[in-house]
Amino acid sequence: MRTKILPVGERALRKAKRILLSGGVVAFPTETVYGLGADARSDEAVGSIYRIKGRPQDNPLIVHVHAGFDLESLVYDVPYAKALREAFLPGPLTLVYRSRGAVSPAVSCGLDTLAVRVPSHAGAQQFLRFVDIPVAAPSANRSKHVSPVTARHVYEDLAGRVPLILDGGACTGGIESTVCDVTGEYPVILRQGLITQEQIASVAGRCGVYLPKEGEKVRSPGMKYKHYAPACKTKLFPPDALAQAAACFAEYERSGARVLALCEHTASAAFPPEKTLDLGGTAEEFAAKLYTLLRQAEDRCDVLVAVEPALRGGVMDGVLNRLRKACGEGK
């Protein structure tokens, strides 16, 4: 199969719609990462997402729709979810509702819930309005690899496996959406992201954070398995272990390994400038740059010595979740 990269526009959108309605897949941009989309109503099309990515069959997908889509054709709504949509959507927030069963059960891996997202990226909205169907989509990469934030990243992972990548430029958010369960009395975060617990609580009055239990069925993407991992060895250090990280870096250098450091700007003086991947100085910068730098690392080094930023809370909950999973924490 030949993989084409086309800018979002009339020609590309017509092609994308033909592919989706014939049961195929299309990669498309969002404000967070690129997604690999298929018709959520089709068992066969949804199954192809899992096959193409090599994704575990018990890891649910998110359905993407445009801002004007009839949400209640898919799910059972609740009042505080409406308030959250008004406050944050379109945007990087996925809400998990009770499902009406209008899409393939493979989307939610047999659960009675459905995760739905309305991305704010202009190209994503064009695409979703043009096709006007619920589009199931995880990140458009090989399963467990670093998430893609450019069309080129998608091509590097999935060339020959997908017919079309819609190019909408580089993603600005950088980490995946917050996933929030709205099936209970108050919202509960299942996956941290760019919309924070504090922001959600300010609208809904209260917001919990779910802690998965051993052996429990996965309720959201990102809750299980190693994710976001570069194809190089990684060593992760807490922010108060900068000296140990620098010593580890030096030891790998002496051994002859190609080694790079990944850290926030204030820690970068501990490493050679030409061998440092600088995450920046704010939570938003960390989020926007993380996946790009992880992909650079796998191209340039054998070992990545990473130091967690010192900042905590808010968006950092999502950043640290991705960084720790990328460096081997989790199953």
C-alpha atoms as a PDB file:
ATOM      1  CA  MET A   1       0.000   0.000   0.000  1.00  0.00           C
ATOM      2  CA  ARG A   2       1.241   3.490  -0.878  1.00  0.00           C
ATOM      3  CA  THR A   3       0.795   6.076   1.867  1.00  0.00           C
ATOM      4  CA  LYS A   4       0.005   9.628   0.746  1.00  0.00           C
ATOM      5  CA  ILE A   5       0.450  12.775   2.851  1.00  0.00           C
ATOM      6  CA  LEU A   6      -1.943  15.521   1.733  1.00  0.00           C
ATOM      7  CA  PRO A   7      -2.689  18.912   3.305  1.00  0.00           C
ATOM      8  CA  VAL A   8      -6.176  19.269   4.731  1.00  0.00           C
ATOM      9  CA  GLY A   9      -8.292  20.591   1.852  1.00  0.00           C
ATOM     10  CA  GLU A  10     -11.169  19.716  -0.462  1.00  0.00           C
ATOM     11  CA  ARG A  11      -9.288  17.072  -2.465  1.00  0.00           C
ATOM     12  CA  ALA A  12      -7.870  15.358   0.605  1.00  0.00           C
ATOM     13  CA  LEU A  13     -11.190  15.457   2.464  1.00  0.00           C
ATOM     14  CA  ARG A  14     -13.063  13.848  -0.440  1.00  0.00           C
ATOM     15  CA  LYS A  15     -10.459  11.102  -0.526  1.00  0.00           C
ATOM     16  CA  ALA A  16     -10.617  10.678   3.260  1.00  0.00           C
ATOM     17  CA  LYS A  17     -14.391  10.297   3.199  1.00  0.00           C
ATOM     18  CA  ARG A  18     -14.240   7.656   0.450  1.00  0.00           C
ATOM     19  CA  ILE A  19     -11.682   5.698   2.460  1.00  0.00           C
ATOM     20  CA  LEU A  20     -13.646   5.844   5.707  1.00  0.00           C
ATOM     21  CA  LEU A  21     -16.981   4.939   4.148  1.00  0.00           C
ATOM     22  CA  SER A  22     -15.384   1.937   2.443  1.00  0.00           C
ATOM     23  CA  GLY A  23     -14.082   0.635   5.771  1.00  0.00           C
ATOM     24  CA  GLY A  24     -10.551   2.052   5.624  1.00  0.00           C
ATOM     25  CA  VAL A  25      -8.476   4.210   7.952  1.00  0.00           C
ATOM     26  CA  VAL A  26      -7.172   7.775   7.730  1.00  0.00           C
ATOM     27  CA  ALA A  27      -4.646   9.592   9.929  1.00  0.00           C
ATOM     28  CA  PHE A  28      -5.650  13.134  10.868  1.00  0.00           C
ATOM     29  CA  PRO A  29      -4.373  15.992  13.047  1.00  0.00           C
ATOM     30  CA  THR A  30      -5.754  17.197  16.363  1.00  0.00           C
ATOM     31  CA  GLU A  31      -4.492  19.849  18.765  1.00  0.00           C
ATOM     32  CA  THR A  32      -2.903  17.122  20.936  1.00  0.00           C
ATOM     33  CA  VAL A  33      -1.511  14.315  18.721  1.00  0.00           C
ATOM     34  CA  TYR A  34      -2.348  12.804  15.314  1.00  0.00           C
ATOM     35  CA  GLY A  35      -5.137  10.225  15.344  1.00  0.00           C
ATOM     36  CA  LEU A  36      -5.731   7.049  13.309  1.00  0.00           C
ATOM     37  CA  GLY A  37      -9.400   7.202  12.403  1.00  0.00           C
ATOM     38  CA  ALA A  38     -11.980   4.678  11.203  1.00  0.00           C
ATOM     39  CA  ASP A  39     -15.782   4.528  11.024  1.00  0.00           C
ATOM     40  CA  ALA A  40     -16.774   3.852  14.636  1.00  0.00           C
ATOM     41  CA  ARG A  41     -19.971   2.127  13.504  1.00  0.00           C
ATOM     42  CA  SER A  42     -18.136  -0.661  11.677  1.00  0.00           C
ATOM     43  CA  ASP A  43     -16.748  -3.709  13.510  1.00  0.00           C
ATOM     44  CA  GLU A  44     -14.376  -4.416  10.629  1.00  0.00           C
ATOM     45  CA  ALA A  45     -13.099  -0.834  10.365  1.00  0.00           C
ATOM     46  CA  VAL A  46     -12.516  -0.575  14.124  1.00  0.00           C
ATOM     47  CA  GLY A  47     -10.771  -3.939  14.080  1.00  0.00           C
ATOM     48  CA  SER A  48      -8.390  -2.643  11.436  1.00  0.00           C
ATOM     49  CA  ILE A  49      -7.182   0.072  13.843  1.00  0.00           C
ATOM     50  CA  TYR A  50      -6.109  -2.569  16.348  1.00  0.00           C
ATOM     51  CA  ARG A  51      -4.386  -4.623  13.637  1.00  0.00           C
ATOM     52  CA  ILE A  52      -2.535  -1.698  12.057  1.00  0.00           C
ATOM     53  CA  LYS A  53      -1.243  -0.382  15.375  1.00  0.00           C
ATOM     54  CA  GLY A  54      -0.646  -3.748  17.020  1.00  0.00           C
ATOM     55  CA  ARG A  55      -2.842  -2.408  19.824  1.00  0.00           C
ATOM     56  CA  PRO A  56      -3.979  -4.693  22.668  1.00  0.00           C
ATOM     57  CA  GLN A  57      -7.600  -5.730  22.174  1.00  0.00           C
ATOM     58  CA  ASP A  58      -8.594  -4.622  25.699  1.00  0.00           C
ATOM     59  CA  ASN A  59      -7.491  -0.987  25.243  1.00  0.00           C
ATOM     60  CA  PRO A  60     -10.556   1.175  24.411  1.00  0.00           C
ATOM     61  CA  LEU A  61     -10.727   3.840  21.715  1.00  0.00           C
ATOM     62  CA  ILE A  62     -12.049   7.406  21.712  1.00  0.00           C
ATOM     63  CA  VAL A  63     -14.747   8.529  19.275  1.00  0.00           C
ATOM     64  CA  HIS A  64     -14.108  11.921  17.642  1.00  0.00           C
ATOM     65  CA  VAL A  65     -16.968  14.112  16.380  1.00  0.00           C
ATOM     66  CA  HIS A  66     -17.361  17.664  15.096  1.00  0.00           C
ATOM     67  CA  ALA A  67     -18.764  20.447  17.259  1.00  0.00           C
ATOM     68  CA  GLY A  68     -22.248  20.238  15.721  1.00  0.00           C
ATOM     69  CA  PHE A  69     -22.637  16.454  15.905  1.00  0.00           C
ATOM     70  CA  ASP A  70     -25.743  15.042  17.626  1.00  0.00           C
ATOM     71  CA  LEU A  71     -24.047  13.736  20.773  1.00  0.00           C
ATOM     72  CA  GLU A  72     -27.225  12.214  22.189  1.00  0.00           C
ATOM     73  CA  SER A  73     -27.417   9.842  19.227  1.00  0.00           C
ATOM     74  CA  LEU A  74     -24.348   8.175  20.762  1.00  0.00           C
ATOM     75  CA  VAL A  75     -24.581   8.558  24.543  1.00  0.00           C
ATOM     76  CA  TYR A  76     -26.769   9.345  27.553  1.00  0.00           C
ATOM     77  CA  ASP A  77     -26.007  12.871  28.721  1.00  0.00           C
ATOM     78  CA  VAL A  78     -25.863  14.310  32.259  1.00  0.00           C
ATOM     79  CA  PRO A  79     -26.237  17.994  33.291  1.00  0.00           C
ATOM     80  CA  TYR A  80     -22.715  18.564  34.610  1.00  0.00           C
ATOM     81  CA  ALA A  81     -21.271  17.042  31.418  1.00  0.00           C
ATOM     82  CA  LYS A  82     -23.075  19.751  29.450  1.00  0.00           C
ATOM     83  CA  ALA A  83     -21.419  22.375  31.644  1.00  0.00           C
ATOM     84  CA  LEU A  84     -18.011  20.797  30.999  1.00  0.00           C
ATOM     85  CA  ARG A  85     -18.610  20.797  27.242  1.00  0.00           C
ATOM     86  CA  GLU A  86     -19.592  24.463  27.322  1.00  0.00           C
ATOM     87  CA  ALA A  87     -16.451  25.321  29.279  1.00  0.00           C
ATOM     88  CA  PHE A  88     -13.831  23.215  27.504  1.00  0.00           C
ATOM     89  CA  LEU A  89     -15.049  21.945  24.124  1.00  0.00           C
ATOM     90  CA  PRO A  90     -13.930  21.929  21.440  1.00  0.00           C
ATOM     91  CA  GLY A  91     -10.667  21.135  23.179  1.00  0.00           C
ATOM     92  CA  PRO A  92      -8.410  18.482  24.718  1.00  0.00           C
ATOM     93  CA  LEU A  93     -11.035  16.881  26.975  1.00  0.00           C
ATOM     94  CA  THR A  94     -12.564  13.435  26.385  1.00  0.00           C
ATOM     95  CA  LEU A  95     -15.762  12.606  28.281  1.00  0.00           C
ATOM     96  CA  VAL A  96     -16.807   9.011  29.012  1.00  0.00           C
ATOM     97  CA  TYR A  97     -20.593   8.552  28.979  1.00  0.00           C
ATOM     98  CA  ARG A  98     -23.045   5.673  29.158  1.00  0.00           C
ATOM     99  CA  SER A  99     -23.295   4.407  25.599  1.00  0.00           C
ATOM    100  CA  ARG A 100     -26.471   4.056  23.545  1.00  0.00           C
ATOM    101  CA  GLY A 101     -24.824   1.233  21.586  1.00  0.00           C
ATOM    102  CA  ALA A 102     -24.764   3.176  18.319  1.00  0.00           C
ATOM    103  CA  VAL A 103     -21.140   2.274  17.528  1.00  0.00           C
ATOM    104  CA  SER A 104     -19.221  -0.973  17.305  1.00  0.00           C
ATOM    105  CA  PRO A 105     -18.751  -2.644  20.704  1.00  0.00           C
ATOM    106  CA  ALA A 106     -15.077  -3.050  19.743  1.00  0.00           C
ATOM    107  CA  VAL A 107     -14.609   0.703  20.308  1.00  0.00           C
ATOM    108  CA  SER A 108     -15.151   0.324  24.050  1.00  0.00           C
ATOM    109  CA  CYS A 109     -13.922  -3.273  24.281  1.00  0.00           C
ATOM    110  CA  GLY A 110     -17.353  -4.474  25.368  1.00  0.00           C
ATOM    111  CA  LEU A 111     -17.896  -1.868  28.096  1.00  0.00           C
ATOM    112  CA  ASP A 112     -21.257  -0.081  28.354  1.00  0.00           C
ATOM    113  CA  THR A 113     -19.537   3.316  28.132  1.00  0.00           C
ATOM    114  CA  LEU A 114     -18.265   5.433  25.253  1.00  0.00           C
ATOM    115  CA  ALA A 115     -15.452   8.001  25.261  1.00  0.00           C
ATOM    116  CA  VAL A 116     -16.202  11.014  23.039  1.00  0.00           C
ATOM    117  CA  ARG A 117     -13.975  13.951  22.097  1.00  0.00           C
ATOM    118  CA  VAL A 118     -14.464  17.170  20.107  1.00  0.00           C
ATOM    119  CA  PRO A 119     -10.979  18.329  19.030  1.00  0.00           C
ATOM    120  CA  SER A 120     -10.335  22.050  18.588  1.00  0.00           C
ATOM    121  CA  HIS A 121      -7.812  21.729  15.725  1.00  0.00           C
ATOM    122  CA  ALA A 122      -9.261  23.498  12.680  1.00  0.00           C
ATOM    123  CA  GLY A 123      -8.171  20.694  10.331  1.00  0.00           C
ATOM    124  CA  ALA A 124      -9.738  18.064  12.581  1.00  0.00           C
ATOM    125  CA  GLN A 125     -13.030  19.972  12.625  1.00  0.00           C
ATOM    126  CA  GLN A 126     -12.964  20.296   8.820  1.00  0.00           C
ATOM    127  CA  PHE A 127     -12.357  16.563   8.478  1.00  0.00           C
ATOM    128  CA  LEU A 128     -14.988  15.535  11.019  1.00  0.00           C
ATOM    129  CA  ARG A 129     -17.641  17.863   9.577  1.00  0.00           C
ATOM    130  CA  PHE A 130     -16.913  16.647   6.045  1.00  0.00           C
ATOM    131  CA  VAL A 131     -17.268  12.947   6.884  1.00  0.00           C
ATOM    132  CA  ASP A 132     -20.049  13.602   9.448  1.00  0.00           C
ATOM    133  CA  ILE A 133     -19.760  10.216  11.145  1.00  0.00           C
ATOM    134  CA  PRO A 134     -18.374   9.168  14.539  1.00  0.00           C
ATOM    135  CA  VAL A 135     -14.665   8.475  13.988  1.00  0.00           C
ATOM    136  CA  ALA A 136     -12.915   6.087  16.374  1.00  0.00           C
ATOM    137  CA  ALA A 137      -9.275   7.069  16.737  1.00  0.00           C
ATOM    138  CA  PRO A 138      -6.299   6.317  18.970  1.00  0.00           C
ATOM    139  CA  SER A 139      -2.928   7.973  18.321  1.00  0.00           C
ATOM    140  CA  ALA A 140      -1.578   7.282  14.826  1.00  0.00           C
ATOM    141  CA  ASN A 141       1.561   5.373  15.782  1.00  0.00           C
ATOM    142  CA  ARG A 142       2.759   1.861  16.465  1.00  0.00           C
ATOM    143  CA  SER A 143       1.346   0.669  19.770  1.00  0.00           C
ATOM    144  CA  LYS A 144       3.492   1.730  22.758  1.00  0.00           C
ATOM    145  CA  HIS A 145       5.729   3.958  20.623  1.00  0.00           C
ATOM    146  CA  VAL A 146       6.071   7.728  21.068  1.00  0.00           C
ATOM    147  CA  SER A 147       2.859   9.491  20.032  1.00  0.00           C
ATOM    148  CA  PRO A 148       3.035  11.427  16.721  1.00  0.00           C
ATOM    149  CA  VAL A 149       2.771  15.224  16.666  1.00  0.00           C
ATOM    150  CA  THR A 150       3.517  15.726  12.946  1.00  0.00           C
ATOM    151  CA  ALA A 151       2.382  14.018   9.753  1.00  0.00           C
ATOM    152  CA  ARG A 152       5.987  12.887   9.238  1.00  0.00           C
ATOM    153  CA  HIS A 153       5.921  11.073  12.593  1.00  0.00           C
ATOM    154  CA  VAL A 154       2.828   9.174  11.428  1.00  0.00           C
ATOM    155  CA  TYR A 155       4.545   8.288   8.167  1.00  0.00           C
ATOM    156  CA  GLU A 156       7.626   6.998   9.992  1.00  0.00           C
ATOM    157  CA  ASP A 157       5.453   4.590  12.002  1.00  0.00           C
ATOM    158  CA  LEU A 158       2.701   3.608   9.584  1.00  0.00           C
ATOM    159  CA  ALA A 159       3.953   4.042   6.000  1.00  0.00           C
ATOM    160  CA  GLY A 160       2.560   1.214   3.898  1.00  0.00           C
ATOM    161  CA  ARG A 161      -0.155   0.472   6.457  1.00  0.00           C
ATOM    162  CA  VAL A 162      -2.470   3.460   5.898  1.00  0.00           C
ATOM    163  CA  PRO A 163      -3.518   5.011   2.583  1.00  0.00           C
ATOM    164  CA  LEU A 164      -3.798   8.658   3.672  1.00  0.00           C
ATOM    165  CA  ILE A 165      -2.354  11.052   6.241  1.00  0.00           C
ATOM    166  CA  LEU A 166      -4.059  14.437   6.459  1.00  0.00           C
ATOM    167  CA  ASP A 167      -1.345  16.989   7.193  1.00  0.00           C
ATOM    168  CA  GLY A 168      -2.488  19.757   9.513  1.00  0.00           C
ATOM    169  CA  GLY A 169       0.950  20.878  10.686  1.00  0.00           C
ATOM    170  CA  ALA A 170       2.552  20.263  14.053  1.00  0.00           C
ATOM    171  CA  CYS A 171       0.262  19.652  17.022  1.00  0.00           C
ATOM    172  CA  THR A 172       0.441  22.428  19.614  1.00  0.00           C
ATOM    173  CA  GLY A 173      -0.773  20.664  22.777  1.00  0.00           C
ATOM    174  CA  GLY A 174       1.658  17.800  22.607  1.00  0.00           C
ATOM    175  CA  ILE A 175       0.133  15.276  25.020  1.00  0.00           C
ATOM    176  CA  GLU A 176      -3.148  13.421  24.696  1.00  0.00           C
ATOM    177  CA  SER A 177      -6.475  14.724  25.983  1.00  0.00           C
ATOM    178  CA  THR A 178      -7.647  14.464  29.556  1.00  0.00           C
ATOM    179  CA  VAL A 179     -10.143  11.586  29.840  1.00  0.00           C
ATOM    180  CA  CYS A 180     -12.937  12.152  32.362  1.00  0.00           C
ATOM    181  CA  ASP A 181     -15.694   9.730  33.386  1.00  0.00           C
ATOM    182  CA  VAL A 182     -19.099  11.446  33.591  1.00  0.00           C
ATOM    183  CA  THR A 183     -21.226   8.407  34.395  1.00  0.00           C
ATOM    184  CA  GLY A 184     -21.359   9.045  38.173  1.00  0.00           C
ATOM    185  CA  GLU A 185     -22.478  11.790  40.526  1.00  0.00           C
ATOM    186  CA  TYR A 186     -19.393  13.865  39.740  1.00  0.00           C
ATOM    187  CA  PRO A 187     -16.620  13.722  37.127  1.00  0.00           C
ATOM    188  CA  VAL A 188     -13.609  11.445  37.688  1.00  0.00           C
ATOM    189  CA  ILE A 189     -10.393  11.744  35.692  1.00  0.00           C
ATOM    190  CA  LEU A 190      -9.236   8.473  34.136  1.00  0.00           C
ATOM    191  CA  ARG A 191      -6.225   9.922  32.265  1.00  0.00           C
ATOM    192  CA  GLN A 192      -4.478  13.187  33.070  1.00  0.00           C
ATOM    193  CA  GLY A 193      -3.960  15.688  30.281  1.00  0.00           C
ATOM    194  CA  LEU A 194      -4.081  19.360  29.360  1.00  0.00           C
ATOM    195  CA  ILE A 195      -7.408  20.044  31.116  1.00  0.00           C
ATOM    196  CA  THR A 196      -6.670  19.739  34.825  1.00  0.00           C
ATOM    197  CA  GLN A 197      -8.540  18.398  37.830  1.00  0.00           C
ATOM    198  CA  GLU A 198      -8.766  21.925  39.223  1.00  0.00           C
ATOM    199  CA  GLN A 199     -10.273  23.281  36.012  1.00  0.00           C
ATOM    200  CA  ILE A 200     -12.892  20.535  35.887  1.00  0.00           C
ATOM    201  CA  ALA A 201     -13.760  20.970  39.576  1.00  0.00           C
ATOM    202  CA  SER A 202     -14.202  24.722  39.054  1.00  0.00           C
ATOM    203  CA  VAL A 203     -17.034  23.946  36.626  1.00  0.00           C
ATOM    204  CA  ALA A 204     -18.558  20.772  38.081  1.00  0.00           C
ATOM    205  CA  GLY A 205     -18.020  21.604  41.774  1.00  0.00           C
ATOM    206  CA  ARG A 206     -16.004  18.458  42.366  1.00  0.00           C
ATOM    207  CA  CYS A 207     -13.628  16.189  40.440  1.00  0.00           C
ATOM    208  CA  GLY A 208     -11.972  12.933  41.456  1.00  0.00           C
ATOM    209  CA  VAL A 209      -8.995  11.080  40.036  1.00  0.00           C
ATOM    210  CA  TYR A 210      -9.392   7.358  39.431  1.00  0.00           C
ATOM    211  CA  LEU A 211      -6.791   4.905  40.697  1.00  0.00           C
ATOM    212  CA  PRO A 212      -6.912   1.653  38.680  1.00  0.00           C
ATOM    213  CA  LYS A 213      -7.040  -1.608  40.577  1.00  0.00           C
ATOM    214  CA  GLU A 214      -4.900  -4.637  39.779  1.00  0.00           C
ATOM    215  CA  GLY A 215      -6.623  -6.937  37.288  1.00  0.00           C
ATOM    216  CA  GLU A 216      -9.433  -4.488  36.551  1.00  0.00           C
ATOM    217  CA  LYS A 217     -10.668  -4.052  32.981  1.00  0.00           C
ATOM    218  CA  VAL A 218      -9.236  -0.956  31.313  1.00  0.00           C
ATOM    219  CA  ARG A 219     -11.720   1.942  31.273  1.00  0.00           C
ATOM    220  CA  SER A 220      -9.704   4.434  29.239  1.00  0.00           C
ATOM    221  CA  PRO A 221      -6.726   4.635  26.877  1.00  0.00           C
ATOM    222  CA  GLY A 222      -3.451   5.249  28.696  1.00  0.00           C
ATOM    223  CA  MET A 223      -4.392   3.386  31.882  1.00  0.00           C
ATOM    224  CA  LYS A 224      -2.425   0.233  31.134  1.00  0.00           C
ATOM    225  CA  TYR A 225       0.724  -0.943  29.383  1.00  0.00           C
ATOM    226  CA  LYS A 226       3.963   0.834  28.631  1.00  0.00           C
ATOM    227  CA  HIS A 227       3.286   3.808  26.367  1.00  0.00           C
ATOM    228  CA  TYR A 228       5.028   6.625  24.533  1.00  0.00           C
ATOM    229  CA  ALA A 229       8.397   4.812  24.538  1.00  0.00           C
ATOM    230  CA  PRO A 230      11.333   5.794  22.292  1.00  0.00           C
ATOM    231  CA  ALA A 231      13.409   3.063  20.640  1.00  0.00           C
ATOM    232  CA  CYS A 232      16.424   3.629  22.871  1.00  0.00           C
ATOM    233  CA  LYS A 233      17.381   2.734  26.420  1.00  0.00           C
ATOM    234  CA  THR A 234      16.035   5.197  29.005  1.00  0.00           C
ATOM    235  CA  LYS A 235      17.070   6.137  32.540  1.00  0.00           C
ATOM    236  CA  LEU A 236      14.742   8.403  34.521  1.00  0.00           C
ATOM    237  CA  PHE A 237      15.725  10.422  37.596  1.00  0.00           C
ATOM    238  CA  PRO A 238      13.646  12.582  39.983  1.00  0.00           C
ATOM    239  CA  PRO A 239      14.386  16.325  40.023  1.00  0.00           C
ATOM    240  CA  ASP A 240      16.344  16.111  43.289  1.00  0.00           C
ATOM    241  CA  ALA A 241      18.750  13.555  41.775  1.00  0.00           C
ATOM    242  CA  LEU A 242      20.343  15.793  39.162  1.00  0.00           C
ATOM    243  CA  ALA A 243      23.877  14.962  40.353  1.00  0.00           C
ATOM    244  CA  GLN A 244      23.174  11.232  40.033  1.00  0.00           C
ATOM    245  CA  ALA A 245      21.728  11.789  36.559  1.00  0.00           C
ATOM    246  CA  ALA A 246      24.850  13.707  35.504  1.00  0.00           C
ATOM    247  CA  ALA A 247      27.071  10.913  36.880  1.00  0.00           C
ATOM    248  CA  CYS A 248      25.024   8.306  35.000  1.00  0.00           C
ATOM    249  CA  PHE A 249      25.335  10.385  31.812  1.00  0.00           C
ATOM    250  CA  ALA A 250      29.123  10.605  32.234  1.00  0.00           C
ATOM    251  CA  GLU A 251      29.409   6.868  32.871  1.00  0.00           C
ATOM    252  CA  TYR A 252      27.562   6.043  29.647  1.00  0.00           C
ATOM    253  CA  GLU A 253      29.744   8.523  27.745  1.00  0.00           C
ATOM    254  CA  ARG A 254      32.903   6.829  29.045  1.00  0.00           C
ATOM    255  CA  SER A 255      31.561   3.476  27.893  1.00  0.00           C
ATOM    256  CA  GLY A 256      31.355   4.779  24.336  1.00  0.00           C
ATOM    257  CA  ALA A 257      27.551   4.868  24.146  1.00  0.00           C
ATOM    258  CA  ARG A 258      25.765   7.647  22.316  1.00  0.00           C
ATOM    259  CA  VAL A 259      23.988   9.381  25.188  1.00  0.00           C
ATOM    260  CA  LEU A 260      21.648  12.377  25.437  1.00  0.00           C
ATOM    261  CA  ALA A 261      20.051  14.162  28.373  1.00  0.00           C
ATOM    262  CA  LEU A 262      16.402  15.268  28.548  1.00  0.00           C
ATOM    263  CA  CYS A 263      15.575  17.871  31.182  1.00  0.00           C
ATOM    264  CA  GLU A 264      13.993  21.240  31.914  1.00  0.00           C
ATOM    265  CA  HIS A 265      15.969  24.361  31.069  1.00  0.00           C
ATOM    266  CA  THR A 266      17.128  25.080  34.627  1.00  0.00           C
ATOM    267  CA  ALA A 267      18.774  21.627  34.824  1.00  0.00           C
ATOM    268  CA  SER A 268      20.447  21.758  31.412  1.00  0.00           C
ATOM    269  CA  ALA A 269      23.759  23.178  32.756  1.00  0.00           C
ATOM    270  CA  ALA A 270      24.486  19.743  34.282  1.00  0.00           C
ATOM    271  CA  PHE A 271      24.981  18.267  30.790  1.00  0.00           C
ATOM    272  CA  PRO A 272      26.913  19.175  27.618  1.00  0.00           C
ATOM    273  CA  PRO A 273      24.772  21.669  25.623  1.00  0.00           C
ATOM    274  CA  GLU A 274      25.180  19.776  22.350  1.00  0.00           C
ATOM    275  CA  LYS A 275      23.919  16.598  24.012  1.00  0.00           C
ATOM    276  CA  THR A 276      20.948  18.091  25.872  1.00  0.00           C
ATOM    277  CA  LEU A 277      17.300  18.034  24.814  1.00  0.00           C
ATOM    278  CA  ASP A 278      15.789  21.071  26.542  1.00  0.00           C
ATOM    279  CA  LEU A 279      12.133  20.721  27.560  1.00  0.00           C
ATOM    280  CA  GLY A 280      11.802  24.430  28.348  1.00  0.00           C
ATOM    281  CA  GLY A 281      10.588  26.074  31.530  1.00  0.00           C
ATOM    282  CA  THR A 282       6.776  25.843  31.788  1.00  0.00           C
ATOM    283  CA  ALA A 283       4.282  23.009  32.001  1.00  0.00           C
ATOM    284  CA  GLU A 284       2.852  23.993  28.617  1.00  0.00           C
ATOM    285  CA  GLU A 285       6.315  23.907  27.040  1.00  0.00           C
ATOM    286  CA  PHE A 286       7.045  20.517  28.607  1.00  0.00           C
ATOM    287  CA  ALA A 287       3.802  19.126  27.177  1.00  0.00           C
ATOM    288  CA  ALA A 288       4.306  20.640  23.721  1.00  0.00           C
ATOM    289  CA  LYS A 289       7.929  19.482  23.343  1.00  0.00           C
ATOM    290  CA  LEU A 290       7.971  16.078  25.079  1.00  0.00           C
ATOM    291  CA  TYR A 291       7.048  13.754  22.195  1.00  0.00           C
ATOM    292  CA  THR A 292       9.113  15.645  19.621  1.00  0.00           C
ATOM    293  CA  LEU A 293      12.195  15.388  21.834  1.00  0.00           C
ATOM    294  CA  LEU A 294      11.600  11.714  22.601  1.00  0.00           C
ATOM    295  CA  ARG A 295      11.512  11.014  18.860  1.00  0.00           C
ATOM    296  CA  GLN A 296      14.684  13.026  18.365  1.00  0.00           C
ATOM    297  CA  ALA A 297      16.325  10.985  21.120  1.00  0.00           C
ATOM    298  CA  GLU A 298      15.685   7.639  19.473  1.00  0.00           C
ATOM    299  CA  ASP A 299      17.254   8.917  16.250  1.00  0.00           C
ATOM    300  CA  ARG A 300      20.350  10.332  17.937  1.00  0.00           C
ATOM    301  CA  CYS A 301      21.268   8.181  20.937  1.00  0.00           C
ATOM    302  CA  ASP A 302      21.592   4.713  22.416  1.00  0.00           C
ATOM    303  CA  VAL A 303      20.736   5.905  25.934  1.00  0.00           C
ATOM    304  CA  LEU A 304      18.494   8.757  27.071  1.00  0.00           C
ATOM    305  CA  VAL A 305      19.129  10.067  30.602  1.00  0.00           C
ATOM    306  CA  ALA A 306      15.960  11.949  31.586  1.00  0.00           C
ATOM    307  CA  VAL A 307      15.380  14.150  34.618  1.00  0.00           C
ATOM    308  CA  GLU A 308      11.839  14.949  35.702  1.00  0.00           C
ATOM    309  CA  PRO A 309      10.956  18.659  35.857  1.00  0.00           C
ATOM    310  CA  ALA A 310      10.510  19.913  39.413  1.00  0.00           C
ATOM    311  CA  LEU A 311       7.123  21.530  38.762  1.00  0.00           C
ATOM    312  CA  ARG A 312       4.113  19.597  40.074  1.00  0.00           C
ATOM    313  CA  GLY A 313       0.320  19.783  39.801  1.00  0.00           C
ATOM    314  CA  GLY A 314      -2.016  20.840  37.003  1.00  0.00           C
ATOM    315  CA  VAL A 315      -0.823  20.019  33.499  1.00  0.00           C
ATOM    316  CA  MET A 316       2.320  18.481  35.034  1.00  0.00           C
ATOM    317  CA  ASP A 317       0.272  15.490  36.196  1.00  0.00           C
ATOM    318  CA  GLY A 318      -0.216  14.571  32.534  1.00  0.00           C
ATOM    319  CA  VAL A 319       3.341  15.405  31.504  1.00  0.00           C
ATOM    320  CA  LEU A 320       4.868  13.283  34.268  1.00  0.00           C
ATOM    321  CA  ASN A 321       2.473  10.420  33.516  1.00  0.00           C
ATOM    322  CA  ARG A 322       3.689  10.351  29.888  1.00  0.00           C
ATOM    323  CA  LEU A 323       7.367  10.778  30.786  1.00  0.00           C
ATOM    324  CA  ARG A 324       7.289   7.979  33.345  1.00  0.00           C
ATOM    325  CA  LYS A 325       5.487   5.601  30.979  1.00  0.00           C
ATOM    326  CA  ALA A 326       7.922   6.482  28.198  1.00  0.00           C
ATOM    327  CA  CYS A 327      10.802   5.549  30.472  1.00  0.00           C
ATOM    328  CA  GLY A 328       9.405   2.168  31.365  1.00  0.00           C
ATOM    329  CA  GLU A 329       7.040   2.597  34.303  1.00  0.00           C
ATOM    330  CA  GLY A 330       3.774   0.712  34.045  1.00  0.00           C
ATOM    331  CA  LYS A 331       2.990  -2.663  32.490  1.00  0.00           C
END
